[in-house]
Amino acid sequence: MVQNPVHGVHPFVLYDYQETLVSSYSKHNTICASSRQSGTSVTTMMYLLWECFFKPERTIMLVSNKIYAARDNLQKIKFAYDALPDWMK
């Protein structure tokens, strides 16, 4: 689940270009340059949450050029985690 200021809480469903992004993440250590409002940050945060669950040996570092952006991205991960069923936590 993800939270959107306009649409509220809803399931996270990938668009085709987001599936390509996730595929790229899984094949390479990828840095992504993208336009604003394309869903790249939420896609990346959900991928990192998946990495935490299924690749626990990985170390993940969240970096941003502005502190509020880093906090916002971390909040996306926390919200998605809290929305998981108890048996997954």
PDB file of N, CA and C in Angstrom:
ATOM      1  N   MET A   1       0.838  -1.178   0.000  1.00  0.00           N
ATOM      2  CA  MET A   1       0.000   0.000   0.000  1.00  0.00           C
ATOM      3  C   MET A   1       0.888   1.247   0.000  1.00  0.00           C
ATOM      4  N   VAL A   2       0.435   2.238  -0.720  1.00  0.00           N
ATOM      5  CA  VAL A   2       1.117   3.529  -0.740  1.00  0.00           C
ATOM      6  C   VAL A   2       0.099   4.619  -0.455  1.00  0.00           C
ATOM      7  N   GLN A   3       0.617   5.759  -0.043  1.00  0.00           N
ATOM      8  CA  GLN A   3      -0.254   6.877   0.295  1.00  0.00           C
ATOM      9  C   GLN A   3       0.017   8.018  -0.682  1.00  0.00           C
ATOM     10  N   ASN A   4      -1.049   8.549  -1.254  1.00  0.00           N
ATOM     11  CA  ASN A   4      -0.958   9.619  -2.219  1.00  0.00           C
ATOM     12  C   ASN A   4      -1.802  10.789  -1.713  1.00  0.00           C
ATOM     13  N   PRO A   5      -1.277  12.027  -1.795  1.00  0.00           N
ATOM     14  CA  PRO A   5      -2.044  13.162  -1.277  1.00  0.00           C
ATOM     15  C   PRO A   5      -3.368  13.383  -2.003  1.00  0.00           C
ATOM     16  N   VAL A   6      -3.463  12.966  -3.249  1.00  0.00           N
ATOM     17  CA  VAL A   6      -4.690  13.156  -4.023  1.00  0.00           C
ATOM     18  C   VAL A   6      -5.609  11.946  -3.927  1.00  0.00           C
ATOM     19  N   HIS A   7      -5.032  10.750  -4.093  1.00  0.00           N
ATOM     20  CA  HIS A   7      -5.827   9.521  -4.170  1.00  0.00           C
ATOM     21  C   HIS A   7      -5.932   8.772  -2.848  1.00  0.00           C
ATOM     22  N   GLY A   8      -5.228   9.213  -1.822  1.00  0.00           N
ATOM     23  CA  GLY A   8      -5.277   8.528  -0.529  1.00  0.00           C
ATOM     24  C   GLY A   8      -4.478   7.234  -0.549  1.00  0.00           C
ATOM     25  N   VAL A   9      -4.863   6.293   0.292  1.00  0.00           N
ATOM     26  CA  VAL A   9      -4.182   5.007   0.407  1.00  0.00           C
ATOM     27  C   VAL A   9      -4.714   4.074  -0.676  1.00  0.00           C
ATOM     28  N   HIS A  10      -3.783   3.448  -1.390  1.00  0.00           N
ATOM     29  CA  HIS A  10      -4.191   2.520  -2.445  1.00  0.00           C
ATOM     30  C   HIS A  10      -3.094   1.494  -2.682  1.00  0.00           C
ATOM     31  N   PRO A  11      -3.437   0.354  -3.312  1.00  0.00           N
ATOM     32  CA  PRO A  11      -2.410  -0.658  -3.618  1.00  0.00           C
ATOM     33  C   PRO A  11      -1.356  -0.084  -4.568  1.00  0.00           C
ATOM     34  N   PHE A  12      -0.161  -0.575  -4.434  1.00  0.00           N
ATOM     35  CA  PHE A  12       0.937  -0.129  -5.288  1.00  0.00           C
ATOM     36  C   PHE A  12       0.973  -1.011  -6.524  1.00  0.00           C
ATOM     37  N   VAL A  13       0.573  -0.452  -7.660  1.00  0.00           N
ATOM     38  CA  VAL A  13       0.554  -1.166  -8.936  1.00  0.00           C
ATOM     39  C   VAL A  13       1.521  -0.450  -9.870  1.00  0.00           C
ATOM     40  N   LEU A  14       2.445  -1.219 -10.450  1.00  0.00           N
ATOM     41  CA  LEU A  14       3.471  -0.623 -11.302  1.00  0.00           C
ATOM     42  C   LEU A  14       2.968  -0.356 -12.715  1.00  0.00           C
ATOM     43  N   TYR A  15       3.384   0.774 -13.267  1.00  0.00           N
ATOM     44  CA  TYR A  15       3.230   1.038 -14.696  1.00  0.00           C
ATOM     45  C   TYR A  15       4.368   0.321 -15.418  1.00  0.00           C
ATOM     46  N   ASP A  16       4.270   0.199 -16.732  1.00  0.00           N
ATOM     47  CA  ASP A  16       5.294  -0.511 -17.502  1.00  0.00           C
ATOM     48  C   ASP A  16       6.688   0.085 -17.284  1.00  0.00           C
ATOM     49  N   TYR A  17       6.800   1.414 -17.310  1.00  0.00           N
ATOM     50  CA  TYR A  17       8.120   2.032 -17.157  1.00  0.00           C
ATOM     51  C   TYR A  17       8.673   1.800 -15.752  1.00  0.00           C
ATOM     52  N   GLN A  18       7.794   1.648 -14.743  1.00  0.00           N
ATOM     53  CA  GLN A  18       8.261   1.348 -13.395  1.00  0.00           C
ATOM     54  C   GLN A  18       8.729  -0.098 -13.306  1.00  0.00           C
ATOM     55  N   GLU A  19       8.074  -1.009 -14.029  1.00  0.00           N
ATOM     56  CA  GLU A  19       8.541  -2.398 -14.083  1.00  0.00           C
ATOM     57  C   GLU A  19       9.934  -2.470 -14.705  1.00  0.00           C
ATOM     58  N   THR A  20      10.164  -1.660 -15.730  1.00  0.00           N
ATOM     59  CA  THR A  20      11.485  -1.599 -16.351  1.00  0.00           C
ATOM     60  C   THR A  20      12.518  -1.098 -15.356  1.00  0.00           C
ATOM     61  N   LEU A  21      12.153  -0.109 -14.560  1.00  0.00           N
ATOM     62  CA  LEU A  21      13.047   0.433 -13.543  1.00  0.00           C
ATOM     63  C   LEU A  21      13.404  -0.632 -12.514  1.00  0.00           C
ATOM     64  N   VAL A  22      12.414  -1.357 -12.020  1.00  0.00           N
ATOM     65  CA  VAL A  22      12.662  -2.408 -11.025  1.00  0.00           C
ATOM     66  C   VAL A  22      13.528  -3.510 -11.630  1.00  0.00           C
ATOM     67  N   SER A  23      13.265  -3.860 -12.878  1.00  0.00           N
ATOM     68  CA  SER A  23      14.091  -4.861 -13.557  1.00  0.00           C
ATOM     69  C   SER A  23      15.540  -4.393 -13.639  1.00  0.00           C
ATOM     70  N   SER A  24      15.729  -3.127 -13.917  1.00  0.00           N
ATOM     71  CA  SER A  24      17.069  -2.557 -13.981  1.00  0.00           C
ATOM     72  C   SER A  24      17.748  -2.617 -12.614  1.00  0.00           C
ATOM     73  N   TYR A  25      16.990  -2.308 -11.552  1.00  0.00           N
ATOM     74  CA  TYR A  25      17.544  -2.388 -10.197  1.00  0.00           C
ATOM     75  C   TYR A  25      17.997  -3.801  -9.877  1.00  0.00           C
ATOM     76  N   SER A  26      17.222  -4.789 -10.276  1.00  0.00           N
ATOM     77  CA  SER A  26      17.558  -6.162  -9.913  1.00  0.00           C
ATOM     78  C   SER A  26      18.746  -6.703 -10.713  1.00  0.00           C
ATOM     79  N   LYS A  27      19.021  -6.131 -11.879  1.00  0.00           N
ATOM     80  CA  LYS A  27      20.125  -6.617 -12.714  1.00  0.00           C
ATOM     81  C   LYS A  27      21.423  -5.852 -12.503  1.00  0.00           C
ATOM     82  N   HIS A  28      21.328  -4.598 -12.080  1.00  0.00           N
ATOM     83  CA  HIS A  28      22.499  -3.725 -11.985  1.00  0.00           C
ATOM     84  C   HIS A  28      22.419  -2.895 -10.709  1.00  0.00           C
ATOM     85  N   ASN A  29      23.555  -2.365 -10.308  1.00  0.00           N
ATOM     86  CA  ASN A  29      23.539  -1.314  -9.296  1.00  0.00           C
ATOM     87  C   ASN A  29      23.241  -0.031 -10.062  1.00  0.00           C
ATOM     88  N   THR A  30      22.029   0.442  -9.962  1.00  0.00           N
ATOM     89  CA  THR A  30      21.532   1.481 -10.854  1.00  0.00           C
ATOM     90  C   THR A  30      21.363   2.813 -10.145  1.00  0.00           C
ATOM     91  N   ILE A  31      21.759   3.855 -10.806  1.00  0.00           N
ATOM     92  CA  ILE A  31      21.410   5.209 -10.406  1.00  0.00           C
ATOM     93  C   ILE A  31      20.451   5.706 -11.465  1.00  0.00           C
ATOM     94  N   CYS A  32      19.349   6.249 -11.035  1.00  0.00           N
ATOM     95  CA  CYS A  32      18.287   6.621 -11.965  1.00  0.00           C
ATOM     96  C   CYS A  32      18.099   8.131 -11.986  1.00  0.00           C
ATOM     97  N   ALA A  33      18.184   8.708 -13.178  1.00  0.00           N
ATOM     98  CA  ALA A  33      17.827  10.113 -13.360  1.00  0.00           C
ATOM     99  C   ALA A  33      16.467  10.127 -14.041  1.00  0.00           C
ATOM    100  N   SER A  34      15.513  10.811 -13.444  1.00  0.00           N
ATOM    101  CA  SER A  34      14.169  10.800 -14.026  1.00  0.00           C
ATOM    102  C   SER A  34      13.483  12.135 -13.799  1.00  0.00           C
ATOM    103  N   SER A  35      12.401  12.305 -14.509  1.00  0.00           N
ATOM    104  CA  SER A  35      11.631  13.528 -14.341  1.00  0.00           C
ATOM    105  C   SER A  35      10.839  13.472 -13.039  1.00  0.00           C
ATOM    106  N   ARG A  36      10.349  14.597 -12.622  1.00  0.00           N
ATOM    107  CA  ARG A  36       9.539  14.671 -11.405  1.00  0.00           C
ATOM    108  C   ARG A  36       8.165  14.078 -11.651  1.00  0.00           C
ATOM    109  N   GLN A  37       7.526  13.649 -10.594  1.00  0.00           N
ATOM    110  CA  GLN A  37       6.153  13.134 -10.623  1.00  0.00           C
ATOM    111  C   GLN A  37       5.980  11.905 -11.510  1.00  0.00           C
ATOM    112  N   SER A  38       7.048  11.109 -11.636  1.00  0.00           N
ATOM    113  CA  SER A  38       6.937   9.895 -12.448  1.00  0.00           C
ATOM    114  C   SER A  38       6.781   8.643 -11.592  1.00  0.00           C
ATOM    115  N   GLY A  39       6.768   8.821 -10.271  1.00  0.00           N
ATOM    116  CA  GLY A  39       6.625   7.667  -9.388  1.00  0.00           C
ATOM    117  C   GLY A  39       7.929   6.938  -9.142  1.00  0.00           C
ATOM    118  N   THR A  40       9.040   7.524  -9.565  1.00  0.00           N
ATOM    119  CA  THR A  40      10.334   6.855  -9.413  1.00  0.00           C
ATOM    120  C   THR A  40      10.713   6.704  -7.946  1.00  0.00           C
ATOM    121  N   SER A  41      10.480   7.724  -7.142  1.00  0.00           N
ATOM    122  CA  SER A  41      10.896   7.626  -5.737  1.00  0.00           C
ATOM    123  C   SER A  41      10.081   6.564  -5.000  1.00  0.00           C
ATOM    124  N   VAL A  42       8.778   6.527  -5.188  1.00  0.00           N
ATOM    125  CA  VAL A  42       7.979   5.518  -4.492  1.00  0.00           C
ATOM    126  C   VAL A  42       8.312   4.117  -5.018  1.00  0.00           C
ATOM    127  N   THR A  43       8.560   3.990  -6.313  1.00  0.00           N
ATOM    128  CA  THR A  43       8.960   2.693  -6.867  1.00  0.00           C
ATOM    129  C   THR A  43      10.275   2.247  -6.246  1.00  0.00           C
ATOM    130  N   THR A  44      11.211   3.167  -6.140  1.00  0.00           N
ATOM    131  CA  THR A  44      12.511   2.846  -5.553  1.00  0.00           C
ATOM    132  C   THR A  44      12.370   2.477  -4.078  1.00  0.00           C
ATOM    133  N   MET A  45      11.555   3.206  -3.335  1.00  0.00           N
ATOM    134  CA  MET A  45      11.377   2.903  -1.915  1.00  0.00           C
ATOM    135  C   MET A  45      10.725   1.531  -1.718  1.00  0.00           C
ATOM    136  N   MET A  46       9.764   1.189  -2.558  1.00  0.00           N
ATOM    137  CA  MET A  46       9.128  -0.129  -2.438  1.00  0.00           C
ATOM    138  C   MET A  46      10.113  -1.232  -2.807  1.00  0.00           C
ATOM    139  N   TYR A  47      10.969  -0.973  -3.778  1.00  0.00           N
ATOM    140  CA  TYR A  47      12.008  -1.950  -4.127  1.00  0.00           C
ATOM    141  C   TYR A  47      12.978  -2.136  -2.956  1.00  0.00           C
ATOM    142  N   LEU A  48      13.350  -1.040  -2.305  1.00  0.00           N
ATOM    143  CA  LEU A  48      14.254  -1.150  -1.155  1.00  0.00           C
ATOM    144  C   LEU A  48      13.607  -1.909  -0.004  1.00  0.00           C
ATOM    145  N   LEU A  49      12.321  -1.715   0.202  1.00  0.00           N
ATOM    146  CA  LEU A  49      11.616  -2.489   1.227  1.00  0.00           C
ATOM    147  C   LEU A  49      11.662  -3.972   0.878  1.00  0.00           C
ATOM    148  N   TRP A  50      11.435  -4.294  -0.385  1.00  0.00           N
ATOM    149  CA  TRP A  50      11.521  -5.686  -0.841  1.00  0.00           C
ATOM    150  C   TRP A  50      12.919  -6.238  -0.597  1.00  0.00           C
ATOM    151  N   GLU A  51      13.947  -5.434  -0.915  1.00  0.00           N
ATOM    152  CA  GLU A  51      15.335  -5.852  -0.677  1.00  0.00           C
ATOM    153  C   GLU A  51      15.564  -6.181   0.800  1.00  0.00           C
ATOM    154  N   CYS A  52      15.029  -5.359   1.681  1.00  0.00           N
ATOM    155  CA  CYS A  52      15.200  -5.605   3.123  1.00  0.00           C
ATOM    156  C   CYS A  52      14.623  -6.956   3.534  1.00  0.00           C
ATOM    157  N   PHE A  53      13.495  -7.315   2.961  1.00  0.00           N
ATOM    158  CA  PHE A  53      12.842  -8.576   3.314  1.00  0.00           C
ATOM    159  C   PHE A  53      13.533  -9.787   2.710  1.00  0.00           C
ATOM    160  N   PHE A  54      13.904  -9.712   1.456  1.00  0.00           N
ATOM    161  CA  PHE A  54      14.329 -10.898   0.736  1.00  0.00           C
ATOM    162  C   PHE A  54      15.828 -10.986   0.485  1.00  0.00           C
ATOM    163  N   LYS A  55      16.566  -9.967   0.840  1.00  0.00           N
ATOM    164  CA  LYS A  55      18.027  -9.995   0.740  1.00  0.00           C
ATOM    165  C   LYS A  55      18.606  -9.348   2.002  1.00  0.00           C
ATOM    166  N   PRO A  56      18.413  -9.991   3.160  1.00  0.00           N
ATOM    167  CA  PRO A  56      18.798  -9.364   4.430  1.00  0.00           C
ATOM    168  C   PRO A  56      20.302  -9.124   4.575  1.00  0.00           C
ATOM    169  N   GLU A  57      21.113  -9.760   3.743  1.00  0.00           N
ATOM    170  CA  GLU A  57      22.559  -9.542   3.820  1.00  0.00           C
ATOM    171  C   GLU A  57      22.966  -8.205   3.205  1.00  0.00           C
ATOM    172  N   ARG A  58      22.054  -7.564   2.509  1.00  0.00           N
ATOM    173  CA  ARG A  58      22.307  -6.294   1.847  1.00  0.00           C
ATOM    174  C   ARG A  58      22.336  -5.142   2.841  1.00  0.00           C
ATOM    175  N   THR A  59      23.186  -4.173   2.563  1.00  0.00           N
ATOM    176  CA  THR A  59      23.200  -2.919   3.299  1.00  0.00           C
ATOM    177  C   THR A  59      22.612  -1.854   2.387  1.00  0.00           C
ATOM    178  N   ILE A  60      21.650  -1.116   2.883  1.00  0.00           N
ATOM    179  CA  ILE A  60      20.968  -0.104   2.082  1.00  0.00           C
ATOM    180  C   ILE A  60      21.179   1.261   2.729  1.00  0.00           C
ATOM    181  N   MET A  61      21.570   2.222   1.918  1.00  0.00           N
ATOM    182  CA  MET A  61      21.769   3.576   2.399  1.00  0.00           C
ATOM    183  C   MET A  61      20.834   4.499   1.617  1.00  0.00           C
ATOM    184  N   LEU A  62      20.079   5.294   2.329  1.00  0.00           N
ATOM    185  CA  LEU A  62      19.149   6.237   1.728  1.00  0.00           C
ATOM    186  C   LEU A  62      19.784   7.625   1.762  1.00  0.00           C
ATOM    187  N   VAL A  63      20.005   8.209   0.593  1.00  0.00           N
ATOM    188  CA  VAL A  63      20.697   9.487   0.486  1.00  0.00           C
ATOM    189  C   VAL A  63      19.841  10.446  -0.334  1.00  0.00           C
ATOM    190  N   SER A  64      19.853  11.704   0.065  1.00  0.00           N
ATOM    191  CA  SER A  64      19.144  12.724  -0.692  1.00  0.00           C
ATOM    192  C   SER A  64      19.885  14.042  -0.557  1.00  0.00           C
ATOM    193  N   ASN A  65      19.629  14.950  -1.498  1.00  0.00           N
ATOM    194  CA  ASN A  65      20.293  16.251  -1.413  1.00  0.00           C
ATOM    195  C   ASN A  65      19.612  17.193  -0.421  1.00  0.00           C
ATOM    196  N   LYS A  66      18.422  16.853   0.028  1.00  0.00           N
ATOM    197  CA  LYS A  66      17.693  17.667   1.015  1.00  0.00           C
ATOM    198  C   LYS A  66      17.167  16.737   2.116  1.00  0.00           C
ATOM    199  N   ILE A  67      17.281  17.171   3.364  1.00  0.00           N
ATOM    200  CA  ILE A  67      16.870  16.340   4.495  1.00  0.00           C
ATOM    201  C   ILE A  67      15.386  16.015   4.427  1.00  0.00           C
ATOM    202  N   TYR A  68      14.557  16.963   4.005  1.00  0.00           N
ATOM    203  CA  TYR A  68      13.122  16.691   3.962  1.00  0.00           C
ATOM    204  C   TYR A  68      12.796  15.622   2.910  1.00  0.00           C
ATOM    205  N   ALA A  69      13.570  15.568   1.826  1.00  0.00           N
ATOM    206  CA  ALA A  69      13.336  14.542   0.804  1.00  0.00           C
ATOM    207  C   ALA A  69      13.715  13.162   1.344  1.00  0.00           C
ATOM    208  N   ALA A  70      14.812  13.082   2.075  1.00  0.00           N
ATOM    209  CA  ALA A  70      15.221  11.806   2.671  1.00  0.00           C
ATOM    210  C   ALA A  70      14.176  11.339   3.690  1.00  0.00           C
ATOM    211  N   ARG A  71      13.676  12.254   4.503  1.00  0.00           N
ATOM    212  CA  ARG A  71      12.650  11.895   5.487  1.00  0.00           C
ATOM    213  C   ARG A  71      11.360  11.459   4.806  1.00  0.00           C
ATOM    214  N   ASP A  72      10.988  12.137   3.737  1.00  0.00           N
ATOM    215  CA  ASP A  72       9.786  11.779   2.984  1.00  0.00           C
ATOM    216  C   ASP A  72       9.918  10.376   2.391  1.00  0.00           C
ATOM    217  N   ASN A  73      11.089  10.091   1.831  1.00  0.00           N
ATOM    218  CA  ASN A  73      11.304   8.755   1.269  1.00  0.00           C
ATOM    219  C   ASN A  73      11.294   7.676   2.348  1.00  0.00           C
ATOM    220  N   LEU A  74      11.894   7.951   3.485  1.00  0.00           N
ATOM    221  CA  LEU A  74      11.863   6.989   4.585  1.00  0.00           C
ATOM    222  C   LEU A  74      10.433   6.782   5.070  1.00  0.00           C
ATOM    223  N   GLN A  75       9.645   7.830   5.095  1.00  0.00           N
ATOM    224  CA  GLN A  75       8.238   7.719   5.502  1.00  0.00           C
ATOM    225  C   GLN A  75       7.461   6.816   4.547  1.00  0.00           C
ATOM    226  N   LYS A  76       7.786   6.853   3.262  1.00  0.00           N
ATOM    227  CA  LYS A  76       7.132   5.977   2.290  1.00  0.00           C
ATOM    228  C   LYS A  76       7.395   4.514   2.626  1.00  0.00           C
ATOM    229  N   ILE A  77       8.634   4.219   3.004  1.00  0.00           N
ATOM    230  CA  ILE A  77       8.983   2.849   3.378  1.00  0.00           C
ATOM    231  C   ILE A  77       8.253   2.454   4.658  1.00  0.00           C
ATOM    232  N   LYS A  78       8.255   3.311   5.662  1.00  0.00           N
ATOM    233  CA  LYS A  78       7.589   3.013   6.935  1.00  0.00           C
ATOM    234  C   LYS A  78       6.094   2.784   6.735  1.00  0.00           C
ATOM    235  N   PHE A  79       5.450   3.617   5.910  1.00  0.00           N
ATOM    236  CA  PHE A  79       4.017   3.467   5.664  1.00  0.00           C
ATOM    237  C   PHE A  79       3.722   2.127   5.006  1.00  0.00           C
ATOM    238  N   ALA A  80       4.510   1.777   3.994  1.00  0.00           N
ATOM    239  CA  ALA A  80       4.297   0.499   3.297  1.00  0.00           C
ATOM    240  C   ALA A  80       4.527  -0.674   4.251  1.00  0.00           C
ATOM    241  N   TYR A  81       5.553  -0.575   5.087  1.00  0.00           N
ATOM    242  CA  TYR A  81       5.827  -1.642   6.059  1.00  0.00           C
ATOM    243  C   TYR A  81       4.671  -1.793   7.036  1.00  0.00           C
ATOM    244  N   ASP A  82       4.179  -0.680   7.559  1.00  0.00           N
ATOM    245  CA  ASP A  82       3.072  -0.726   8.519  1.00  0.00           C
ATOM    246  C   ASP A  82       1.798  -1.300   7.902  1.00  0.00           C
ATOM    247  N   ALA A  83       1.642  -1.163   6.589  1.00  0.00           N
ATOM    248  CA  ALA A  83       0.453  -1.680   5.908  1.00  0.00           C
ATOM    249  C   ALA A  83       0.542  -3.176   5.615  1.00  0.00           C
ATOM    250  N   LEU A  84       1.724  -3.780   5.833  1.00  0.00           N
ATOM    251  CA  LEU A  84       1.875  -5.217   5.592  1.00  0.00           C
ATOM    252  C   LEU A  84       1.099  -6.020   6.630  1.00  0.00           C
ATOM    253  N   PRO A  85       0.651  -7.213   6.267  1.00  0.00           N
ATOM    254  CA  PRO A  85       0.018  -8.079   7.266  1.00  0.00           C
ATOM    255  C   PRO A  85       1.025  -8.460   8.350  1.00  0.00           C
ATOM    256  N   ASP A  86       0.539  -8.713   9.554  1.00  0.00           N
ATOM    257  CA  ASP A  86       1.415  -9.021  10.677  1.00  0.00           C
ATOM    258  C   ASP A  86       2.344 -10.193  10.398  1.00  0.00           C
ATOM    259  N   TRP A  87       1.877 -11.206   9.673  1.00  0.00           N
ATOM    260  CA  TRP A  87       2.709 -12.392   9.440  1.00  0.00           C
ATOM    261  C   TRP A  87       3.935 -12.089   8.574  1.00  0.00           C
ATOM    262  N   MET A  88       3.933 -10.954   7.885  1.00  0.00           N
ATOM    263  CA  MET A  88       5.094 -10.597   7.054  1.00  0.00           C
ATOM    264  C   MET A  88       6.117  -9.768   7.807  1.00  0.00           C
ATOM    265  N   LYS A  89       5.743  -9.203   8.939  1.00  0.00           N
ATOM    266  CA  LYS A  89       6.652  -8.311   9.664  1.00  0.00           C
ATOM    267  C   LYS A  89       7.617  -9.093  10.529  1.00  0.00           C
TER     268      LYS A  89
END
